[in-house]
Amino acid sequence: MAENIKKLTWSDKNIKVVQKASDLDVFDDDPGVLRVEMSCGHVADPMSLTDCCRAQLLNGDAVFKCPLCESEWPYDEVRKSAKLTNNERIGFEDLLGTNAAKKSGIKDCPRCGTFIERLYVSNLCVECCVCTKRAGKAYKFCWRCLRAWKGPGPRSDHCANVGCSIGDRETLQDCPMVTLRHIENVRCPALRSCPACGVAIEHSKVGCKIMTCRNCGKAFCFLCLKPAQECLETSRPYTLCTDEVAPKQRDAETL
């Protein structure tokens, strides 16, 4: 295991320090390293815990969950157990606030960043009044893919941008392959269609293989495409799946 930047000591307060192998990283098993036992009972070191929680934030989550048992980790527990630096705390708290706002039906305008509330849940075509006023003409974007609106509206399913429609074939089949260095340097498609609802999801290349769909909230493995709970019965978040990496998808119906 690479030497940790963040070190735990037996004198660390308000966390449970143990001398056990990490449950989040199969390669993190040095018996001489102190790690933290989370409230759910799973063990991690501060660095892998930071990476895991950062990946969840980048995935749009507003709460932290153990990738193994899906138990919720309170932010205060994560802050202390991961030994977050001041800069990390600021970044985490900013993303927590932003993600919570988005979960409540608010998103930021892709052009100016202003928070926008969608008034009609049956219409994906949303207008930003700030951008409209600045440009002197209506600026509308798609609530789903967050790009400038294309095609007729209102619509409740998708706009005319490539990749917005469920299981868009061009996007899924033409996406590049990427290397996920935190998961044994595995190579996999950069884009997946959520097995539950078909929305296109891109891996941040940081953190574990378990992804949570922003659209339907279902968690699945980005590598084998199985539901998270089923995949984690035979593997861990930072290890290869028992099944092979699923190839590029043709459409949502092939899952």
C-alpha atoms as a PDB file:
ATOM      1  CA  MET A   1       0.000   0.000   0.000  1.00  0.00           C
ATOM      2  CA  ALA A   2       1.308   3.441  -0.827  1.00  0.00           C
ATOM      3  CA  GLU A   3       2.265   5.586   2.149  1.00  0.00           C
ATOM      4  CA  ASN A   4      -0.699   7.566   3.376  1.00  0.00           C
ATOM      5  CA  ILE A   5      -0.566  11.346   3.456  1.00  0.00           C
ATOM      6  CA  LYS A   6      -3.145  11.390   6.246  1.00  0.00           C
ATOM      7  CA  LYS A   7      -2.125   9.462   9.326  1.00  0.00           C
ATOM      8  CA  LEU A   8      -4.242   8.154  12.183  1.00  0.00           C
ATOM      9  CA  THR A   9      -2.992   7.857  15.762  1.00  0.00           C
ATOM     10  CA  TRP A  10      -4.337   6.038  18.786  1.00  0.00           C
ATOM     11  CA  SER A  11      -4.982   9.438  20.366  1.00  0.00           C
ATOM     12  CA  ASP A  12      -7.436  10.559  17.633  1.00  0.00           C
ATOM     13  CA  LYS A  13     -10.709  11.440  19.348  1.00  0.00           C
ATOM     14  CA  ASN A  14     -14.353  10.801  18.400  1.00  0.00           C
ATOM     15  CA  ILE A  15     -13.451   8.059  15.902  1.00  0.00           C
ATOM     16  CA  LYS A  16     -12.762   4.353  16.336  1.00  0.00           C
ATOM     17  CA  VAL A  17      -9.138   3.667  15.389  1.00  0.00           C
ATOM     18  CA  VAL A  18      -8.355   0.012  14.618  1.00  0.00           C
ATOM     19  CA  GLN A  19      -5.521  -2.095  13.267  1.00  0.00           C
ATOM     20  CA  LYS A  20      -7.495  -4.001  10.648  1.00  0.00           C
ATOM     21  CA  ALA A  21      -7.316  -4.349   6.856  1.00  0.00           C
ATOM     22  CA  SER A  22      -9.399  -1.921   4.826  1.00  0.00           C
ATOM     23  CA  ASP A  23     -12.760  -3.108   3.561  1.00  0.00           C
ATOM     24  CA  LEU A  24     -12.816  -0.443   0.812  1.00  0.00           C
ATOM     25  CA  ASP A  25      -9.467  -1.261  -0.779  1.00  0.00           C
ATOM     26  CA  VAL A  26      -8.341  -4.870  -1.147  1.00  0.00           C
ATOM     27  CA  PHE A  27      -4.707  -3.786  -1.490  1.00  0.00           C
ATOM     28  CA  ASP A  28      -4.791  -1.774   1.753  1.00  0.00           C
ATOM     29  CA  ASP A  29      -3.918  -4.549   4.193  1.00  0.00           C
ATOM     30  CA  ASP A  30      -0.651  -3.464   5.835  1.00  0.00           C
ATOM     31  CA  PRO A  31      -0.996  -4.695   9.450  1.00  0.00           C
ATOM     32  CA  GLY A  32       1.156  -1.842  10.728  1.00  0.00           C
ATOM     33  CA  VAL A  33      -1.213   0.897   9.510  1.00  0.00           C
ATOM     34  CA  LEU A  34      -3.981   2.357  11.650  1.00  0.00           C
ATOM     35  CA  ARG A  35      -7.402   2.747  10.040  1.00  0.00           C
ATOM     36  CA  VAL A  36     -10.833   3.902  11.123  1.00  0.00           C
ATOM     37  CA  GLU A  37     -13.877   1.718  11.732  1.00  0.00           C
ATOM     38  CA  MET A  38     -16.981   3.547  10.518  1.00  0.00           C
ATOM     39  CA  SER A  39     -20.342   3.482  12.303  1.00  0.00           C
ATOM     40  CA  CYS A  40     -21.528   0.748   9.919  1.00  0.00           C
ATOM     41  CA  GLY A  41     -18.637  -1.514  10.971  1.00  0.00           C
ATOM     42  CA  HIS A  42     -16.597  -1.314   7.755  1.00  0.00           C
ATOM     43  CA  VAL A  43     -12.961  -0.238   7.899  1.00  0.00           C
ATOM     44  CA  ALA A  44     -11.148   2.332   5.759  1.00  0.00           C
ATOM     45  CA  ASP A  45      -8.112   4.571   5.800  1.00  0.00           C
ATOM     46  CA  PRO A  46      -8.559   8.354   5.560  1.00  0.00           C
ATOM     47  CA  MET A  47      -7.313   8.588   1.965  1.00  0.00           C
ATOM     48  CA  SER A  48      -9.597   5.904   0.486  1.00  0.00           C
ATOM     49  CA  LEU A  49     -12.491   7.256   2.565  1.00  0.00           C
ATOM     50  CA  THR A  50     -11.875  10.748   1.175  1.00  0.00           C
ATOM     51  CA  ASP A  51     -11.756   9.408  -2.396  1.00  0.00           C
ATOM     52  CA  CYS A  52     -14.911   7.352  -1.892  1.00  0.00           C
ATOM     53  CA  CYS A  53     -16.910  10.270  -0.481  1.00  0.00           C
ATOM     54  CA  ARG A  54     -15.583  12.717  -3.079  1.00  0.00           C
ATOM     55  CA  ALA A  55     -16.711  10.350  -5.847  1.00  0.00           C
ATOM     56  CA  GLN A  56     -20.201  10.257  -4.326  1.00  0.00           C
ATOM     57  CA  LEU A  57     -20.323  14.060  -4.271  1.00  0.00           C
ATOM     58  CA  LEU A  58     -19.153  14.288  -7.888  1.00  0.00           C
ATOM     59  CA  ASN A  59     -21.865  11.780  -8.730  1.00  0.00           C
ATOM     60  CA  GLY A  60     -24.458  14.223  -7.375  1.00  0.00           C
ATOM     61  CA  ASP A  61     -25.181  12.585  -4.027  1.00  0.00           C
ATOM     62  CA  ALA A  62     -26.297  14.767  -1.120  1.00  0.00           C
ATOM     63  CA  VAL A  63     -25.541  12.168   1.572  1.00  0.00           C
ATOM     64  CA  PHE A  64     -22.616   9.814   2.117  1.00  0.00           C
ATOM     65  CA  LYS A  65     -23.215   6.065   2.103  1.00  0.00           C
ATOM     66  CA  CYS A  66     -21.000   3.056   2.675  1.00  0.00           C
ATOM     67  CA  PRO A  67     -20.476   1.453  -0.768  1.00  0.00           C
ATOM     68  CA  LEU A  68     -20.568  -1.987   0.839  1.00  0.00           C
ATOM     69  CA  CYS A  69     -23.734  -1.916   2.957  1.00  0.00           C
ATOM     70  CA  GLU A  70     -25.269   1.435   1.894  1.00  0.00           C
ATOM     71  CA  SER A  71     -25.500   2.610   5.507  1.00  0.00           C
ATOM     72  CA  GLU A  72     -25.519   6.399   5.718  1.00  0.00           C
ATOM     73  CA  TRP A  73     -22.416   8.117   7.074  1.00  0.00           C
ATOM     74  CA  PRO A  74     -23.151  11.493   8.727  1.00  0.00           C
ATOM     75  CA  TYR A  75     -20.998  14.304   7.373  1.00  0.00           C
ATOM     76  CA  ASP A  76     -19.482  14.956  10.802  1.00  0.00           C
ATOM     77  CA  GLU A  77     -18.323  11.337  10.943  1.00  0.00           C
ATOM     78  CA  VAL A  78     -16.813  11.553   7.453  1.00  0.00           C
ATOM     79  CA  ARG A  79     -15.096  14.860   8.268  1.00  0.00           C
ATOM     80  CA  LYS A  80     -13.362  13.408  11.335  1.00  0.00           C
ATOM     81  CA  SER A  81     -12.678   9.901  10.003  1.00  0.00           C
ATOM     82  CA  ALA A  82     -11.281  11.100   6.658  1.00  0.00           C
ATOM     83  CA  LYS A  83      -9.271  13.834   8.422  1.00  0.00           C
ATOM     84  CA  LEU A  84     -10.479  16.350   5.855  1.00  0.00           C
ATOM     85  CA  THR A  85      -8.206  19.341   5.336  1.00  0.00           C
ATOM     86  CA  ASN A  86      -9.653  22.855   5.417  1.00  0.00           C
ATOM     87  CA  ASN A  87      -9.736  22.988   1.605  1.00  0.00           C
ATOM     88  CA  GLU A  88     -11.390  19.568   1.432  1.00  0.00           C
ATOM     89  CA  ARG A  89     -13.987  20.628   3.995  1.00  0.00           C
ATOM     90  CA  ILE A  90     -14.860  23.738   2.005  1.00  0.00           C
ATOM     91  CA  GLY A  91     -15.123  21.741  -1.222  1.00  0.00           C
ATOM     92  CA  PHE A  92     -17.186  18.976   0.360  1.00  0.00           C
ATOM     93  CA  GLU A  93     -19.590  21.389   2.038  1.00  0.00           C
ATOM     94  CA  ASP A  94     -20.055  23.414  -1.147  1.00  0.00           C
ATOM     95  CA  LEU A  95     -20.902  20.264  -3.123  1.00  0.00           C
ATOM     96  CA  LEU A  96     -23.187  18.972  -0.380  1.00  0.00           C
ATOM     97  CA  GLY A  97     -25.169  22.197  -0.521  1.00  0.00           C
ATOM     98  CA  THR A  98     -25.301  22.235  -4.310  1.00  0.00           C
ATOM     99  CA  ASN A  99     -26.316  18.580  -4.545  1.00  0.00           C
ATOM    100  CA  ALA A 100     -28.991  19.009  -1.885  1.00  0.00           C
ATOM    101  CA  ALA A 101     -30.450  21.920  -3.836  1.00  0.00           C
ATOM    102  CA  LYS A 102     -30.484  19.872  -7.024  1.00  0.00           C
ATOM    103  CA  LYS A 103     -32.166  16.966  -5.260  1.00  0.00           C
ATOM    104  CA  SER A 104     -34.947  19.308  -4.198  1.00  0.00           C
ATOM    105  CA  GLY A 105     -35.803  20.195  -7.809  1.00  0.00           C
ATOM    106  CA  ILE A 106     -33.272  22.983  -8.313  1.00  0.00           C
ATOM    107  CA  LYS A 107     -30.397  22.981 -10.794  1.00  0.00           C
ATOM    108  CA  ASP A 108     -27.853  25.563 -11.831  1.00  0.00           C
ATOM    109  CA  CYS A 109     -28.139  27.117 -15.282  1.00  0.00           C
ATOM    110  CA  PRO A 110     -25.427  25.560 -17.500  1.00  0.00           C
ATOM    111  CA  ARG A 111     -24.618  28.982 -18.962  1.00  0.00           C
ATOM    112  CA  CYS A 112     -24.574  31.424 -15.994  1.00  0.00           C
ATOM    113  CA  GLY A 113     -24.741  29.115 -12.949  1.00  0.00           C
ATOM    114  CA  THR A 114     -27.850  30.717 -11.448  1.00  0.00           C
ATOM    115  CA  PHE A 115     -30.047  28.280  -9.478  1.00  0.00           C
ATOM    116  CA  ILE A 116     -33.195  27.488 -11.462  1.00  0.00           C
ATOM    117  CA  GLU A 117     -36.362  25.797 -10.215  1.00  0.00           C
ATOM    118  CA  ARG A 118     -38.371  23.799 -12.729  1.00  0.00           C
ATOM    119  CA  LEU A 119     -41.983  24.895 -12.403  1.00  0.00           C
ATOM    120  CA  TYR A 120     -43.550  22.147 -14.531  1.00  0.00           C
ATOM    121  CA  VAL A 121     -42.271  18.620 -13.982  1.00  0.00           C
ATOM    122  CA  SER A 122     -43.840  17.524 -17.273  1.00  0.00           C
ATOM    123  CA  ASN A 123     -41.636  19.897 -19.286  1.00  0.00           C
ATOM    124  CA  LEU A 124     -37.863  19.475 -19.660  1.00  0.00           C
ATOM    125  CA  CYS A 125     -37.540  22.788 -21.517  1.00  0.00           C
ATOM    126  CA  VAL A 126     -36.586  25.411 -18.913  1.00  0.00           C
ATOM    127  CA  GLU A 127     -35.854  29.089 -19.442  1.00  0.00           C
ATOM    128  CA  CYS A 128     -33.183  31.004 -17.514  1.00  0.00           C
ATOM    129  CA  CYS A 129     -34.486  34.540 -16.969  1.00  0.00           C
ATOM    130  CA  VAL A 130     -31.002  35.852 -16.165  1.00  0.00           C
ATOM    131  CA  CYS A 131     -29.483  34.628 -19.449  1.00  0.00           C
ATOM    132  CA  THR A 132     -32.563  35.760 -21.370  1.00  0.00           C
ATOM    133  CA  LYS A 133     -32.243  39.268 -19.973  1.00  0.00           C
ATOM    134  CA  ARG A 134     -28.520  39.440 -20.641  1.00  0.00           C
ATOM    135  CA  ALA A 135     -28.764  38.158 -24.223  1.00  0.00           C
ATOM    136  CA  GLY A 136     -31.951  39.998 -25.109  1.00  0.00           C
ATOM    137  CA  LYS A 137     -33.492  36.741 -26.354  1.00  0.00           C
ATOM    138  CA  ALA A 138     -34.873  33.642 -24.713  1.00  0.00           C
ATOM    139  CA  TYR A 139     -32.289  31.164 -23.451  1.00  0.00           C
ATOM    140  CA  LYS A 140     -33.714  27.724 -22.755  1.00  0.00           C
ATOM    141  CA  PHE A 141     -31.909  24.577 -21.721  1.00  0.00           C
ATOM    142  CA  CYS A 142     -32.777  20.927 -21.220  1.00  0.00           C
ATOM    143  CA  TRP A 143     -33.358  19.925 -17.597  1.00  0.00           C
ATOM    144  CA  ARG A 144     -32.094  16.462 -18.391  1.00  0.00           C
ATOM    145  CA  CYS A 145     -28.844  16.909 -20.347  1.00  0.00           C
ATOM    146  CA  LEU A 146     -28.201  20.549 -19.290  1.00  0.00           C
ATOM    147  CA  ARG A 147     -27.476  21.733 -22.820  1.00  0.00           C
ATOM    148  CA  ALA A 148     -29.104  24.513 -24.823  1.00  0.00           C
ATOM    149  CA  TRP A 149     -32.564  23.303 -25.808  1.00  0.00           C
ATOM    150  CA  LYS A 150     -32.919  21.777 -29.266  1.00  0.00           C
ATOM    151  CA  GLY A 151     -36.079  20.658 -30.990  1.00  0.00           C
ATOM    152  CA  PRO A 152     -39.761  21.326 -30.348  1.00  0.00           C
ATOM    153  CA  GLY A 153     -41.117  21.875 -26.877  1.00  0.00           C
ATOM    154  CA  PRO A 154     -42.538  21.386 -24.374  1.00  0.00           C
ATOM    155  CA  ARG A 155     -41.444  17.761 -23.976  1.00  0.00           C
ATOM    156  CA  SER A 156     -41.270  15.445 -20.979  1.00  0.00           C
ATOM    157  CA  ASP A 157     -38.917  12.748 -22.351  1.00  0.00           C
ATOM    158  CA  HIS A 158     -35.869  14.397 -23.971  1.00  0.00           C
ATOM    159  CA  CYS A 159     -34.664  17.242 -26.188  1.00  0.00           C
ATOM    160  CA  ALA A 160     -33.142  16.857 -29.652  1.00  0.00           C
ATOM    161  CA  ASN A 161     -29.517  16.932 -28.471  1.00  0.00           C
ATOM    162  CA  VAL A 162     -27.554  13.755 -29.227  1.00  0.00           C
ATOM    163  CA  GLY A 163     -27.198  11.749 -26.041  1.00  0.00           C
ATOM    164  CA  CYS A 164     -30.232  13.149 -24.263  1.00  0.00           C
ATOM    165  CA  SER A 165     -32.639  10.447 -25.355  1.00  0.00           C
ATOM    166  CA  ILE A 166     -32.700   7.269 -23.323  1.00  0.00           C
ATOM    167  CA  GLY A 167     -29.993   4.851 -24.471  1.00  0.00           C
ATOM    168  CA  ASP A 168     -28.836   7.080 -27.327  1.00  0.00           C
ATOM    169  CA  ARG A 169     -27.022   4.667 -29.642  1.00  0.00           C
ATOM    170  CA  GLU A 170     -24.501   7.068 -31.142  1.00  0.00           C
ATOM    171  CA  THR A 171     -23.271   8.271 -27.759  1.00  0.00           C
ATOM    172  CA  LEU A 172     -23.039   4.826 -26.163  1.00  0.00           C
ATOM    173  CA  GLN A 173     -21.350   3.104 -29.088  1.00  0.00           C
ATOM    174  CA  ASP A 174     -18.904   5.895 -29.947  1.00  0.00           C
ATOM    175  CA  CYS A 175     -17.746   6.768 -26.422  1.00  0.00           C
ATOM    176  CA  PRO A 176     -14.011   6.275 -25.694  1.00  0.00           C
ATOM    177  CA  MET A 177     -12.474   3.724 -23.347  1.00  0.00           C
ATOM    178  CA  VAL A 178     -11.008   5.047 -20.083  1.00  0.00           C
ATOM    179  CA  THR A 179      -8.722   3.679 -17.357  1.00  0.00           C
ATOM    180  CA  LEU A 180     -10.031   3.733 -13.783  1.00  0.00           C
ATOM    181  CA  ARG A 181      -6.787   3.842 -11.801  1.00  0.00           C
ATOM    182  CA  HIS A 182      -8.509   3.420  -8.439  1.00  0.00           C
ATOM    183  CA  ILE A 183     -10.028   0.110  -9.583  1.00  0.00           C
ATOM    184  CA  GLU A 184      -6.961  -1.916 -10.528  1.00  0.00           C
ATOM    185  CA  ASN A 185      -6.402   0.234 -13.665  1.00  0.00           C
ATOM    186  CA  VAL A 186      -9.331  -1.448 -15.367  1.00  0.00           C
ATOM    187  CA  ARG A 187     -10.328  -0.306 -18.855  1.00  0.00           C
ATOM    188  CA  CYS A 188     -14.004   0.295 -19.527  1.00  0.00           C
ATOM    189  CA  PRO A 189     -16.342   2.493 -21.620  1.00  0.00           C
ATOM    190  CA  ALA A 190     -16.433   6.111 -20.447  1.00  0.00           C
ATOM    191  CA  LEU A 191     -20.228   6.263 -20.715  1.00  0.00           C
ATOM    192  CA  ARG A 192     -22.944   3.952 -19.478  1.00  0.00           C
ATOM    193  CA  SER A 193     -26.705   3.907 -19.773  1.00  0.00           C
ATOM    194  CA  CYS A 194     -28.355   3.444 -16.377  1.00  0.00           C
ATOM    195  CA  PRO A 195     -29.696  -0.147 -16.278  1.00  0.00           C
ATOM    196  CA  ALA A 196     -32.838   1.079 -14.526  1.00  0.00           C
ATOM    197  CA  CYS A 197     -33.926   4.137 -16.510  1.00  0.00           C
ATOM    198  CA  GLY A 198     -31.490   4.475 -19.423  1.00  0.00           C
ATOM    199  CA  VAL A 199     -30.033   7.913 -18.620  1.00  0.00           C
ATOM    200  CA  ALA A 200     -26.434   8.338 -19.813  1.00  0.00           C
ATOM    201  CA  ILE A 201     -23.880   8.458 -16.960  1.00  0.00           C
ATOM    202  CA  GLU A 202     -20.153   9.228 -17.190  1.00  0.00           C
ATOM    203  CA  HIS A 203     -17.630   8.022 -14.593  1.00  0.00           C
ATOM    204  CA  SER A 204     -15.601  10.786 -12.916  1.00  0.00           C
ATOM    205  CA  LYS A 205     -12.494   8.510 -13.018  1.00  0.00           C
ATOM    206  CA  VAL A 206     -12.219   9.035  -9.251  1.00  0.00           C
ATOM    207  CA  GLY A 207     -13.409   6.618  -6.605  1.00  0.00           C
ATOM    208  CA  CYS A 208     -15.140   3.259  -6.777  1.00  0.00           C
ATOM    209  CA  LYS A 209     -17.099   1.413  -9.448  1.00  0.00           C
ATOM    210  CA  ILE A 210     -20.534   1.893  -7.857  1.00  0.00           C
ATOM    211  CA  MET A 211     -22.555   4.705  -9.433  1.00  0.00           C
ATOM    212  CA  THR A 212     -25.882   6.188  -8.393  1.00  0.00           C
ATOM    213  CA  CYS A 213     -28.147   7.461 -11.176  1.00  0.00           C
ATOM    214  CA  ARG A 214     -29.132  11.107 -10.682  1.00  0.00           C
ATOM    215  CA  ASN A 215     -32.373  10.505 -12.505  1.00  0.00           C
ATOM    216  CA  CYS A 216     -33.827   7.440 -10.755  1.00  0.00           C
ATOM    217  CA  GLY A 217     -31.555   7.053  -7.719  1.00  0.00           C
ATOM    218  CA  LYS A 218     -30.671   3.406  -8.460  1.00  0.00           C
ATOM    219  CA  ALA A 219     -27.107   2.262  -7.686  1.00  0.00           C
ATOM    220  CA  PHE A 220     -25.303  -0.030 -10.131  1.00  0.00           C
ATOM    221  CA  CYS A 221     -21.805  -1.220 -11.012  1.00  0.00           C
ATOM    222  CA  PHE A 222     -20.196   0.837 -13.781  1.00  0.00           C
ATOM    223  CA  LEU A 223     -18.138  -2.187 -14.869  1.00  0.00           C
ATOM    224  CA  CYS A 224     -20.468  -5.197 -15.003  1.00  0.00           C
ATOM    225  CA  LEU A 225     -23.737  -3.164 -15.011  1.00  0.00           C
ATOM    226  CA  LYS A 226     -25.323  -5.316 -12.298  1.00  0.00           C
ATOM    227  CA  PRO A 227     -27.280  -3.716  -9.443  1.00  0.00           C
ATOM    228  CA  ALA A 228     -24.813  -2.546  -6.786  1.00  0.00           C
ATOM    229  CA  GLN A 229     -25.982  -4.948  -4.104  1.00  0.00           C
ATOM    230  CA  GLU A 230     -25.725  -7.950  -6.445  1.00  0.00           C
ATOM    231  CA  CYS A 231     -22.244  -7.014  -7.668  1.00  0.00           C
ATOM    232  CA  LEU A 232     -20.920  -6.396  -4.159  1.00  0.00           C
ATOM    233  CA  GLU A 233     -21.969  -9.862  -3.024  1.00  0.00           C
ATOM    234  CA  THR A 234     -18.888 -11.265  -4.795  1.00  0.00           C
ATOM    235  CA  SER A 235     -16.518  -8.279  -5.062  1.00  0.00           C
ATOM    236  CA  ARG A 236     -15.611  -4.954  -3.473  1.00  0.00           C
ATOM    237  CA  PRO A 237     -16.047  -1.349  -4.644  1.00  0.00           C
ATOM    238  CA  TYR A 238     -12.382  -0.985  -5.601  1.00  0.00           C
ATOM    239  CA  THR A 239     -11.807  -4.462  -7.060  1.00  0.00           C
ATOM    240  CA  LEU A 240     -12.711  -6.087 -10.351  1.00  0.00           C
ATOM    241  CA  CYS A 241     -16.085  -7.789 -10.612  1.00  0.00           C
ATOM    242  CA  THR A 242     -16.538 -11.537 -10.691  1.00  0.00           C
ATOM    243  CA  ASP A 243     -18.083 -11.056 -14.128  1.00  0.00           C
ATOM    244  CA  GLU A 244     -16.148  -9.469 -16.969  1.00  0.00           C
ATOM    245  CA  VAL A 245     -16.412  -5.779 -17.789  1.00  0.00           C
ATOM    246  CA  ALA A 246     -19.568  -5.284 -19.843  1.00  0.00           C
ATOM    247  CA  PRO A 247     -18.917  -4.063 -23.409  1.00  0.00           C
ATOM    248  CA  LYS A 248     -20.212  -0.788 -24.836  1.00  0.00           C
ATOM    249  CA  GLN A 249     -23.990  -0.748 -24.789  1.00  0.00           C
ATOM    250  CA  ARG A 250     -26.059  -0.477 -27.935  1.00  0.00           C
ATOM    251  CA  ASP A 251     -29.171   0.873 -26.206  1.00  0.00           C
ATOM    252  CA  ALA A 252     -31.011   0.675 -22.904  1.00  0.00           C
ATOM    253  CA  GLU A 253     -32.907  -2.457 -23.948  1.00  0.00           C
ATOM    254  CA  THR A 254     -29.725  -4.572 -24.099  1.00  0.00           C
ATOM    255  CA  LEU A 255     -29.107  -4.352 -20.335  1.00  0.00           C
END
